[in-house]
Amino acid sequence: MNTSPNTVVAVLSAGTPVRVKNAPPEIHCRTPHYLRGVPGQVDALAGRFRDPSLLAFNKPGLPMRYLYRVRFRQKDIWPEYAGSPADTLVADIFEHWLDVLKEPAHERA
C-alpha cells in the first residue's frame, strides 16, 4: 500500500467496515489465518509501526504501516458459534491486510 516511508495514506476511522484479505500468507505473517476473508469493523488506530514481516528478515521494516484494532463478530469467524450474537473478538491487523467495505457485511443482502 505505501510506496515510501514518507507516504501518508488515509487513516481508517472507528466504525469503518473492513474485510481481512484472503491472500496467500507472507513468509512471516502476523495476520491470523482464521480471520482471512472475515468482515469486521475498525475499533481504533493502534499506531504506525515498522512492518514486522520485513523486520523478521533483518530489513528496515519500511514502509511503516498503520496497525488497526478490528472487531469481528464471533458468528462471522465461526458460523457454528453457539454463543451470544453479541460476542466479538478484537485483533490487531496491519493496513495492508484490510480491504474497506462500502457497508458492513452483515447488513448487506
Protein backbone atom coordinates (compact mmCIF):
# COMPACT_ATOMS: atom_id res chain seq x y z
CA MET A 1 0.00 0.00 0.00
CA ASN A 2 2.70 2.54 0.93
CA THR A 3 5.50 3.06 -1.55
CA SER A 4 7.95 5.03 0.62
CA PRO A 5 8.49 5.68 4.32
CA ASN A 6 7.09 9.20 3.88
CA THR A 7 3.88 8.19 2.09
CA VAL A 8 0.78 9.06 4.08
CA VAL A 9 -2.39 7.07 3.42
CA ALA A 10 -5.89 7.84 4.61
CA VAL A 11 -6.33 6.63 8.16
CA LEU A 12 -9.42 4.49 8.70
CA SER A 13 -11.72 5.76 11.39
CA ALA A 14 -13.54 3.83 14.11
CA GLY A 15 -16.60 2.15 12.66
CA THR A 16 -15.16 1.68 9.15
CA PRO A 17 -16.32 -1.70 7.78
CA VAL A 18 -13.42 -3.81 6.53
CA ARG A 19 -12.62 -7.33 5.41
CA VAL A 20 -9.36 -9.14 6.05
CA LYS A 21 -7.79 -10.06 2.73
CA ASN A 22 -7.90 -13.73 1.86
CA ALA A 23 -4.39 -13.65 0.42
CA PRO A 24 -1.54 -16.13 0.47
CA PRO A 25 0.47 -15.70 3.67
CA GLU A 26 3.68 -13.74 3.76
CA ILE A 27 6.70 -15.74 4.87
CA HIS A 28 6.43 -14.12 8.31
CA CYS A 29 2.74 -13.30 8.65
CA ARG A 30 1.15 -11.57 11.64
CA THR A 31 -2.43 -11.95 10.39
CA PRO A 32 -4.31 -14.93 11.88
CA HIS A 33 -5.33 -17.41 9.20
CA TYR A 34 -8.81 -17.87 10.72
CA LEU A 35 -9.56 -14.16 10.11
CA ARG A 36 -8.76 -14.18 6.38
CA GLY A 37 -11.84 -13.26 4.36
CA VAL A 38 -13.79 -12.30 7.50
CA PRO A 39 -15.60 -8.94 7.70
CA GLY A 40 -15.13 -6.72 10.71
CA GLN A 41 -15.18 -3.14 11.86
CA VAL A 42 -12.31 -0.85 12.83
CA ASP A 43 -12.36 -0.16 16.57
CA ALA A 44 -9.29 2.08 16.75
CA LEU A 45 -5.96 3.00 15.26
CA ALA A 46 -3.21 1.39 17.34
CA GLY A 47 -0.45 3.43 15.70
CA ARG A 48 2.04 3.33 12.85
CA PHE A 49 4.85 0.80 13.05
CA ARG A 50 7.64 -0.75 11.05
CA ASP A 51 6.42 -3.76 9.09
CA PRO A 52 7.15 -6.88 11.21
CA SER A 53 7.04 -9.15 8.14
CA LEU A 54 10.17 -7.32 6.94
CA LEU A 55 11.79 -6.82 10.35
CA ALA A 56 11.77 -10.61 10.78
CA PHE A 57 14.35 -10.79 7.98
CA ASN A 58 16.57 -8.00 9.29
CA LYS A 59 15.13 -5.49 6.82
CA PRO A 60 14.40 -1.90 7.88
CA GLY A 61 10.64 -2.59 8.02
CA LEU A 62 9.75 0.26 5.70
CA PRO A 63 7.34 1.50 4.63
CA MET A 64 5.81 1.92 8.05
CA ARG A 65 2.28 0.52 8.31
CA TYR A 66 -0.83 1.54 10.20
CA LEU A 67 -2.00 -1.06 12.71
CA TYR A 68 -5.71 -1.22 13.46
CA ARG A 69 -7.73 -2.88 16.19
CA VAL A 70 -10.52 -4.62 14.32
CA ARG A 71 -13.63 -6.11 15.93
CA PHE A 72 -15.16 -9.26 14.45
CA ARG A 73 -18.46 -10.93 15.26
CA GLN A 74 -17.77 -14.46 16.51
CA LYS A 75 -20.52 -15.77 14.20
CA ASP A 76 -18.67 -14.28 11.19
CA ILE A 77 -15.50 -16.15 12.17
CA TRP A 78 -17.11 -19.44 13.15
CA PRO A 79 -20.60 -19.88 11.57
CA GLU A 80 -21.48 -22.69 14.00
CA TYR A 81 -20.73 -20.48 17.03
CA ALA A 82 -23.45 -21.12 19.62
CA GLY A 83 -22.75 -18.21 21.96
CA SER A 84 -24.41 -14.83 22.12
CA PRO A 85 -24.77 -12.99 18.78
CA ALA A 86 -23.21 -10.00 20.57
CA ASP A 87 -19.93 -11.87 21.25
CA THR A 88 -16.94 -10.41 19.44
CA LEU A 89 -13.20 -10.86 19.02
CA VAL A 90 -10.73 -7.98 18.63
CA ALA A 91 -7.48 -8.44 16.70
CA ASP A 92 -4.67 -6.12 15.65
CA ILE A 93 -4.41 -6.15 11.83
CA PHE A 94 -1.96 -4.19 9.69
CA GLU A 95 -3.38 -1.91 6.97
CA HIS A 96 -2.09 -3.92 4.02
CA TRP A 97 -4.28 -6.86 5.11
CA LEU A 98 -7.52 -4.84 5.13
CA ASP A 99 -9.97 -4.04 2.35
CA VAL A 100 -12.50 -1.30 3.07
CA LEU A 101 -16.14 -2.32 2.53
CA LYS A 102 -18.82 0.12 1.41
CA GLU A 103 -21.15 -1.10 4.14
CA PRO A 104 -20.98 -3.63 6.97
CA ALA A 105 -21.11 -7.18 5.58
CA HIS A 106 -23.86 -8.32 7.99
CA GLU A 107 -26.15 -5.53 6.70
CA ARG A 108 -25.76 -6.44 3.03
CA ALA A 109 -28.41 -8.53 1.32
